[in-house]
C-alpha cells in the first residue's frame, strides 16, 4: 500500500514538473537545430556521426599542438645547452691563446737575453706583462697552460 501511494505521488509530481517546464519553455522561441544534429549516427559505426568526427579531429589537433609545444621546449633546452658548450669552448680557446702568447713572449725574452739583444728582450717582456696584467684574460686555467 505504501509503495503504491509513493508511486502515485511521484507520478503526480513528475506530471506537475513537466507541465511547469513546458509553460516556462513556451516563452522562448524555438531555434531550428542544424540538420547535422538531427541525423542519427550509423548504429553499426557510432564514430561515423559528423559531430563525433569533428570531436575526434579537434582532439587530434590538440594532441599534435601539445606535442609541438613540448618538442619546442625540448629544442629550446638543447639550444641553451649548445650555447653554453659554445661559451665554454670559446673560454677554453681564449685560455689556450693567452697561454701561448705568454709562453712565446717568455721564450722570446729568454732567447733575446741570452743573445744580449736587449731591445728584443724588452719588447717580449712588455708583451708578457700586458698579457699578465689583463686580468680578464689571465684565468687560472690559462696560467696552468702557460706553466
Protein backbone atom coordinates (compact mmCIF):
# COMPACT_ATOMS: atom_id res chain seq x y z
CA UNK A 1 0.00 0.00 0.00
CA UNK A 2 2.80 2.42 0.93
CA UNK A 3 4.65 1.69 -2.33
CA UNK A 4 1.50 2.34 -4.37
CA UNK A 5 0.97 5.67 -2.58
CA UNK A 6 4.61 6.63 -3.17
CA UNK A 7 4.40 5.71 -6.88
CA UNK A 8 1.19 7.75 -7.35
CA UNK A 9 2.71 10.74 -5.60
CA UNK A 10 5.90 10.52 -7.73
CA UNK A 11 3.83 10.27 -10.92
CA UNK A 12 1.73 13.30 -9.96
CA UNK A 13 4.85 15.27 -9.06
CA UNK A 14 6.51 14.37 -12.39
CA UNK A 15 3.40 15.49 -14.31
CA UNK A 16 3.30 18.76 -12.39
CA UNK A 17 7.01 19.48 -13.02
CA UNK A 18 6.71 18.56 -16.72
CA UNK A 19 3.73 20.94 -17.12
CA UNK A 20 5.61 23.71 -15.32
CA UNK A 21 8.71 23.19 -17.52
CA UNK A 22 6.59 23.21 -20.68
CA UNK A 23 4.98 26.52 -19.63
CA UNK A 24 8.37 28.09 -18.89
CA UNK A 25 9.82 26.92 -22.20
CA UNK A 26 6.76 28.21 -24.06
CA UNK A 27 8.00 31.79 -23.52
CA UNK A 28 11.16 31.13 -25.50
CA UNK A 29 11.39 30.97 -29.25
CA UNK A 30 12.40 27.65 -30.59
CA UNK A 31 15.57 27.50 -32.62
CA UNK A 32 15.96 25.14 -35.50
CA UNK A 33 18.85 22.80 -34.92
CA UNK A 34 21.19 22.23 -37.80
CA UNK A 35 20.44 19.22 -39.94
CA UNK A 36 23.73 17.81 -38.79
CA UNK A 37 22.46 17.35 -35.23
CA UNK A 38 19.23 15.72 -36.35
CA UNK A 39 20.97 12.98 -38.25
CA UNK A 40 21.19 9.82 -36.31
CA UNK A 41 24.53 8.11 -36.19
CA UNK A 42 25.02 4.87 -38.01
CA UNK A 43 24.19 2.21 -35.43
CA UNK A 44 26.89 -0.03 -36.92
CA UNK A 45 29.57 2.67 -36.61
CA UNK A 46 28.97 5.27 -33.88
CA UNK A 47 32.07 7.24 -34.94
CA UNK A 48 30.51 7.99 -38.34
CA UNK A 49 28.37 10.85 -36.98
CA UNK A 50 29.78 14.22 -38.11
CA UNK A 51 29.88 15.55 -34.53
CA UNK A 52 31.90 12.52 -33.44
CA UNK A 53 34.23 13.03 -36.40
CA UNK A 54 34.67 16.73 -35.59
CA UNK A 55 35.39 15.91 -31.96
CA UNK A 56 37.98 13.33 -32.95
CA UNK A 57 39.63 15.82 -35.30
CA UNK A 58 39.81 18.54 -32.66
CA UNK A 59 41.27 16.05 -30.16
CA UNK A 60 43.89 15.05 -32.72
CA UNK A 61 44.80 18.69 -33.41
CA UNK A 62 45.07 19.42 -29.68
CA UNK A 63 47.32 16.39 -29.23
CA UNK A 64 49.55 17.49 -32.13
CA UNK A 65 49.83 21.04 -30.81
CA UNK A 66 50.73 19.73 -27.37
CA UNK A 67 53.47 17.57 -28.89
CA UNK A 68 54.79 20.55 -30.86
CA UNK A 69 54.83 22.71 -27.74
CA UNK A 70 56.69 20.11 -25.69
CA UNK A 71 59.10 19.49 -28.57
CA UNK A 72 59.69 23.22 -28.81
CA UNK A 73 60.64 23.47 -25.17
CA UNK A 74 62.96 20.47 -25.55
CA UNK A 75 64.58 22.11 -28.58
CA UNK A 76 64.94 25.32 -26.59
CA UNK A 77 66.72 23.43 -23.82
CA UNK A 78 69.02 21.78 -26.35
CA UNK A 79 69.83 25.17 -27.90
CA UNK A 80 70.65 26.60 -24.46
CA UNK A 81 72.90 23.62 -23.78
CA UNK A 82 74.68 24.09 -27.13
CA UNK A 83 75.12 27.81 -26.44
CA UNK A 84 76.65 27.02 -23.05
CA UNK A 85 79.02 24.49 -24.66
CA UNK A 86 80.00 27.14 -27.23
CA UNK A 87 80.76 29.67 -24.47
CA UNK A 88 82.85 27.06 -22.63
CA UNK A 89 84.79 26.24 -25.81
CA UNK A 90 85.37 29.94 -26.52
CA UNK A 91 86.66 30.47 -22.97
CA UNK A 92 88.91 27.44 -23.32
CA UNK A 93 90.24 28.68 -26.67
CA UNK A 94 90.93 32.12 -25.16
CA UNK A 95 92.84 30.48 -22.30
CA UNK A 96 94.92 28.47 -24.76
CA UNK A 97 95.62 31.60 -26.83
CA UNK A 98 96.63 33.56 -23.73
CA UNK A 99 98.91 30.73 -22.58
CA UNK A 100 100.56 30.53 -26.00
CA UNK A 101 101.17 34.30 -26.06
CA UNK A 102 102.72 34.13 -22.57
CA UNK A 103 104.90 31.14 -23.49
CA UNK A 104 106.02 32.73 -26.74
CA UNK A 105 106.81 36.04 -25.05
CA UNK A 106 108.77 34.34 -22.25
CA UNK A 107 110.69 32.14 -24.71
CA UNK A 108 111.48 35.15 -26.92
CA UNK A 109 112.61 37.17 -23.90
CA UNK A 110 114.83 34.33 -22.65
CA UNK A 111 116.46 33.86 -26.07
CA UNK A 112 116.94 37.61 -26.53
CA UNK A 113 118.53 37.95 -23.08
CA UNK A 114 120.90 35.06 -23.71
CA UNK A 115 121.90 36.61 -27.05
CA UNK A 116 122.16 40.06 -25.40
CA UNK A 117 119.54 41.56 -27.72
CA UNK A 118 118.20 43.93 -25.09
CA UNK A 119 115.62 45.66 -27.27
CA UNK A 120 114.00 42.36 -28.36
CA UNK A 121 114.04 41.17 -24.76
CA UNK A 122 112.34 44.36 -23.54
CA UNK A 123 109.67 44.06 -26.25
CA UNK A 124 108.95 40.41 -25.34
CA UNK A 125 108.82 41.25 -21.62
CA UNK A 126 106.41 44.14 -22.36
CA UNK A 127 104.09 41.78 -24.31
CA UNK A 128 104.28 39.23 -21.48
CA UNK A 129 103.45 41.93 -18.91
CA UNK A 130 100.49 43.22 -20.97
CA UNK A 131 99.00 39.74 -21.13
CA UNK A 132 99.67 39.08 -17.47
CA UNK A 133 98.11 42.39 -16.43
CA UNK A 134 94.94 41.78 -18.50
CA UNK A 135 93.05 40.10 -15.63
CA UNK A 136 90.06 39.31 -17.83
CA UNK A 137 92.20 37.05 -19.98
CA UNK A 138 94.54 35.61 -17.37
CA UNK A 139 92.46 32.89 -15.76
CA UNK A 140 93.74 30.08 -13.57
CA UNK A 141 93.44 27.70 -16.46
CA UNK A 142 95.48 30.00 -18.75
CA UNK A 143 98.16 30.24 -16.03
CA UNK A 144 98.24 26.46 -15.74
CA UNK A 145 98.55 26.05 -19.52
CA UNK A 146 101.36 28.65 -19.65
CA UNK A 147 103.28 26.83 -16.94
